[in-house]
N, C-alpha and C. Protein backbone atom coordinates (compact mmCIF):
# COMPACT_ATOMS: atom_id res chain seq x y z
N MET A 1 76.97 111.61 92.26
CA MET A 1 76.72 110.33 92.87
C MET A 1 78.06 109.74 93.30
N LYS A 2 78.07 109.12 94.46
CA LYS A 2 79.29 108.52 95.00
C LYS A 2 79.02 107.04 95.26
N THR A 3 79.81 106.18 94.65
CA THR A 3 79.63 104.74 94.87
C THR A 3 80.94 104.10 95.25
N ALA A 4 80.95 103.44 96.38
CA ALA A 4 82.09 102.61 96.81
C ALA A 4 83.43 103.33 96.75
N THR A 5 83.46 104.57 97.19
CA THR A 5 84.73 105.29 97.27
C THR A 5 84.91 105.79 98.70
N ILE A 6 86.15 106.00 99.06
CA ILE A 6 86.50 106.54 100.37
C ILE A 6 87.42 107.73 100.13
N SER A 7 87.09 108.85 100.75
CA SER A 7 87.93 110.04 100.65
C SER A 7 88.92 110.02 101.81
N PHE A 8 90.03 110.74 101.64
CA PHE A 8 91.01 110.82 102.71
C PHE A 8 90.34 111.34 103.97
N GLY A 9 90.66 110.70 105.08
CA GLY A 9 90.09 111.09 106.36
C GLY A 9 88.84 110.32 106.73
N GLN A 10 88.22 109.64 105.77
CA GLN A 10 87.03 108.84 106.07
C GLN A 10 87.44 107.47 106.59
N GLN A 11 86.60 106.91 107.45
CA GLN A 11 86.82 105.55 107.94
C GLN A 11 86.58 104.54 106.83
N MET A 12 87.37 103.49 106.82
CA MET A 12 87.13 102.39 105.89
C MET A 12 85.95 101.58 106.45
N PRO A 13 85.10 101.04 105.58
CA PRO A 13 83.98 100.22 106.05
C PRO A 13 84.50 98.97 106.77
N LEU A 14 84.02 98.73 107.98
CA LEU A 14 84.54 97.66 108.82
C LEU A 14 84.38 96.29 108.18
N GLU A 15 83.21 95.98 107.66
CA GLU A 15 82.98 94.65 107.09
C GLU A 15 83.90 94.37 105.90
N GLU A 16 84.07 95.35 105.03
CA GLU A 16 84.95 95.18 103.86
C GLU A 16 86.40 95.01 104.28
N MET A 17 86.82 95.76 105.30
CA MET A 17 88.20 95.64 105.78
C MET A 17 88.44 94.27 106.42
N GLN A 18 87.45 93.75 107.12
CA GLN A 18 87.59 92.42 107.71
C GLN A 18 87.69 91.35 106.63
N ARG A 19 86.87 91.49 105.59
CA ARG A 19 86.93 90.53 104.47
C ARG A 19 88.28 90.61 103.77
N ALA A 20 88.78 91.83 103.57
CA ALA A 20 90.08 92.01 102.91
C ALA A 20 91.20 91.39 103.76
N GLU A 21 91.12 91.56 105.06
CA GLU A 21 92.15 90.98 105.93
C GLU A 21 92.09 89.45 105.90
N GLN A 22 90.89 88.89 105.94
CA GLN A 22 90.75 87.43 105.87
C GLN A 22 91.31 86.88 104.56
N ALA A 23 90.99 87.55 103.46
CA ALA A 23 91.51 87.11 102.16
C ALA A 23 93.03 87.22 102.11
N THR A 24 93.56 88.29 102.69
CA THR A 24 95.01 88.49 102.72
C THR A 24 95.69 87.41 103.54
N LEU A 25 95.11 87.06 104.66
CA LEU A 25 95.69 86.01 105.51
C LEU A 25 95.66 84.64 104.83
N ALA A 26 94.69 84.42 103.96
CA ALA A 26 94.50 83.11 103.32
C ALA A 26 95.18 82.98 101.97
N CYS A 27 95.69 84.06 101.41
CA CYS A 27 96.19 84.00 100.03
C CYS A 27 97.58 83.36 99.94
N ASP A 28 97.84 82.76 98.78
CA ASP A 28 99.17 82.22 98.46
C ASP A 28 100.00 83.22 97.67
N LEU A 29 99.30 84.07 96.93
CA LEU A 29 99.94 85.08 96.09
C LEU A 29 99.20 86.39 96.26
N PHE A 30 99.94 87.44 96.60
CA PHE A 30 99.38 88.78 96.78
C PHE A 30 99.96 89.67 95.69
N VAL A 31 99.10 90.30 94.90
CA VAL A 31 99.55 91.16 93.81
C VAL A 31 99.06 92.58 94.07
N ALA A 32 100.00 93.51 94.20
CA ALA A 32 99.67 94.93 94.35
C ALA A 32 99.87 95.59 92.99
N ILE A 33 98.84 96.28 92.52
CA ILE A 33 98.88 96.88 91.19
C ILE A 33 98.57 98.37 91.29
N GLY A 34 99.51 99.19 90.86
CA GLY A 34 99.28 100.63 90.78
C GLY A 34 99.06 101.30 92.12
N SER A 35 99.88 100.96 93.09
CA SER A 35 99.72 101.55 94.42
C SER A 35 101.07 102.03 94.94
N SER A 36 101.04 103.20 95.57
CA SER A 36 102.26 103.71 96.21
C SER A 36 102.48 103.05 97.56
N LEU A 37 101.47 102.36 98.07
CA LEU A 37 101.54 101.65 99.36
C LEU A 37 101.92 102.58 100.50
N VAL A 38 101.32 103.76 100.52
CA VAL A 38 101.59 104.68 101.62
C VAL A 38 100.36 104.98 102.46
N VAL A 39 99.17 104.64 102.00
CA VAL A 39 97.94 104.96 102.73
C VAL A 39 97.47 103.72 103.48
N TYR A 40 97.43 103.85 104.80
CA TYR A 40 96.99 102.75 105.65
C TYR A 40 95.51 102.91 105.97
N PRO A 41 94.82 101.81 106.23
CA PRO A 41 95.32 100.49 106.57
C PRO A 41 95.63 99.59 105.38
N ALA A 42 95.16 99.93 104.18
CA ALA A 42 95.35 99.05 103.03
C ALA A 42 96.83 98.81 102.73
N ALA A 43 97.69 99.78 102.98
CA ALA A 43 99.12 99.62 102.71
C ALA A 43 99.76 98.56 103.58
N GLY A 44 99.10 98.14 104.65
CA GLY A 44 99.63 97.11 105.52
C GLY A 44 99.36 95.69 105.05
N PHE A 45 98.48 95.54 104.06
CA PHE A 45 98.12 94.20 103.59
C PHE A 45 99.31 93.41 103.04
N PRO A 46 100.25 94.01 102.30
CA PRO A 46 101.39 93.21 101.83
C PRO A 46 102.18 92.58 102.98
N GLN A 47 102.39 93.32 104.06
CA GLN A 47 103.13 92.76 105.19
C GLN A 47 102.36 91.61 105.83
N VAL A 48 101.04 91.76 105.95
CA VAL A 48 100.21 90.69 106.51
C VAL A 48 100.31 89.44 105.65
N ALA A 49 100.21 89.62 104.33
CA ALA A 49 100.29 88.48 103.42
C ALA A 49 101.65 87.79 103.52
N LYS A 50 102.72 88.58 103.56
CA LYS A 50 104.07 88.01 103.64
C LYS A 50 104.26 87.22 104.93
N MET A 51 103.78 87.77 106.05
CA MET A 51 103.90 87.08 107.33
C MET A 51 103.09 85.79 107.36
N SER A 52 102.07 85.70 106.50
CA SER A 52 101.24 84.50 106.41
C SER A 52 101.78 83.51 105.39
N GLY A 53 102.92 83.83 104.77
CA GLY A 53 103.57 82.90 103.86
C GLY A 53 103.29 83.12 102.38
N ALA A 54 102.59 84.18 102.03
CA ALA A 54 102.29 84.44 100.61
C ALA A 54 103.51 84.98 99.88
N ARG A 55 103.55 84.74 98.59
CA ARG A 55 104.52 85.39 97.70
C ARG A 55 103.91 86.71 97.28
N LEU A 56 104.74 87.73 97.05
CA LEU A 56 104.25 89.06 96.74
C LEU A 56 104.79 89.56 95.41
N ILE A 57 103.91 90.18 94.62
CA ILE A 57 104.28 90.81 93.35
C ILE A 57 103.72 92.23 93.38
N ILE A 58 104.51 93.19 92.91
CA ILE A 58 104.01 94.55 92.75
C ILE A 58 104.28 95.01 91.33
N ILE A 59 103.27 95.63 90.73
CA ILE A 59 103.40 96.26 89.41
C ILE A 59 103.05 97.72 89.62
N ASN A 60 104.02 98.60 89.43
CA ASN A 60 103.82 100.02 89.68
C ASN A 60 104.86 100.80 88.88
N ASN A 61 104.48 101.93 88.35
CA ASN A 61 105.44 102.74 87.59
C ASN A 61 106.62 103.20 88.43
N GLU A 62 106.37 103.54 89.67
CA GLU A 62 107.39 104.12 90.54
C GLU A 62 107.76 103.16 91.66
N PRO A 63 108.98 103.25 92.16
CA PRO A 63 109.37 102.45 93.32
C PRO A 63 108.54 102.84 94.55
N THR A 64 108.41 101.90 95.48
CA THR A 64 107.75 102.18 96.76
C THR A 64 108.71 101.82 97.88
N ASP A 65 108.43 102.31 99.06
CA ASP A 65 109.26 101.98 100.22
C ASP A 65 109.17 100.50 100.59
N LEU A 66 108.09 99.84 100.14
CA LEU A 66 107.89 98.43 100.47
C LEU A 66 108.44 97.47 99.41
N ASP A 67 109.03 97.99 98.34
CA ASP A 67 109.55 97.11 97.28
C ASP A 67 110.44 95.98 97.81
N PRO A 68 111.31 96.21 98.80
CA PRO A 68 112.17 95.12 99.28
C PRO A 68 111.39 93.93 99.87
N LEU A 69 110.17 94.15 100.28
CA LEU A 69 109.33 93.08 100.83
C LEU A 69 108.83 92.13 99.75
N PHE A 70 108.75 92.61 98.51
CA PHE A 70 108.14 91.85 97.42
C PHE A 70 109.11 90.87 96.80
N ASP A 71 108.56 89.74 96.35
CA ASP A 71 109.36 88.72 95.67
C ASP A 71 109.62 89.08 94.22
N LEU A 72 108.70 89.81 93.60
CA LEU A 72 108.86 90.27 92.22
C LEU A 72 108.39 91.71 92.15
N VAL A 73 109.26 92.60 91.68
CA VAL A 73 108.95 94.02 91.56
C VAL A 73 109.07 94.40 90.09
N LEU A 74 107.98 94.90 89.52
CA LEU A 74 107.96 95.33 88.13
C LEU A 74 107.63 96.81 88.07
N HIS A 75 108.63 97.62 87.76
CA HIS A 75 108.39 99.06 87.58
C HIS A 75 108.06 99.28 86.10
N GLN A 76 106.83 98.99 85.78
CA GLN A 76 106.35 99.03 84.40
C GLN A 76 104.96 99.65 84.37
N GLN A 77 104.51 100.00 83.17
CA GLN A 77 103.13 100.44 83.00
C GLN A 77 102.21 99.25 83.22
N ILE A 78 101.11 99.50 83.89
CA ILE A 78 100.20 98.42 84.29
C ILE A 78 99.54 97.75 83.09
N GLY A 79 98.95 98.53 82.19
CA GLY A 79 98.21 97.97 81.06
C GLY A 79 99.02 97.01 80.22
N PRO A 80 100.15 97.46 79.67
CA PRO A 80 100.96 96.56 78.85
C PRO A 80 101.49 95.35 79.63
N THR A 81 101.82 95.56 80.90
CA THR A 81 102.34 94.45 81.70
C THR A 81 101.28 93.38 81.92
N LEU A 82 100.07 93.80 82.29
CA LEU A 82 99.00 92.82 82.51
C LEU A 82 98.59 92.16 81.20
N SER A 83 98.62 92.90 80.11
CA SER A 83 98.31 92.30 78.80
C SER A 83 99.31 91.20 78.47
N ALA A 84 100.58 91.44 78.76
CA ALA A 84 101.60 90.43 78.50
C ALA A 84 101.39 89.20 79.37
N VAL A 85 100.99 89.40 80.62
CA VAL A 85 100.73 88.27 81.52
C VAL A 85 99.53 87.46 81.03
N VAL A 86 98.47 88.13 80.64
CA VAL A 86 97.26 87.45 80.16
C VAL A 86 97.56 86.64 78.92
N ASN A 87 98.47 87.11 78.09
CA ASN A 87 98.78 86.43 76.83
C ASN A 87 99.83 85.34 76.97
N LEU A 88 100.25 85.02 78.18
CA LEU A 88 101.23 83.94 78.38
C LEU A 88 100.64 82.60 78.01
């Protein structure tokens, strides 16, 4: 059974992509979690958010080519990092 997944080479669902773009344009804070930010079109959302005035945070184990775009870059494990944020 396959639910709400997209394989490489498949088209992204148009309605969901439009909703994601609208949310990205309207956000004040954009948080990327566990992404290499290399697969488009989703990898373009941080740039869209930044151009719309949002602050950007990325939490990822490895550096990405887009790290310089982000206001806060955390090269940390996701689970412990988010647990620490929740417990603030």
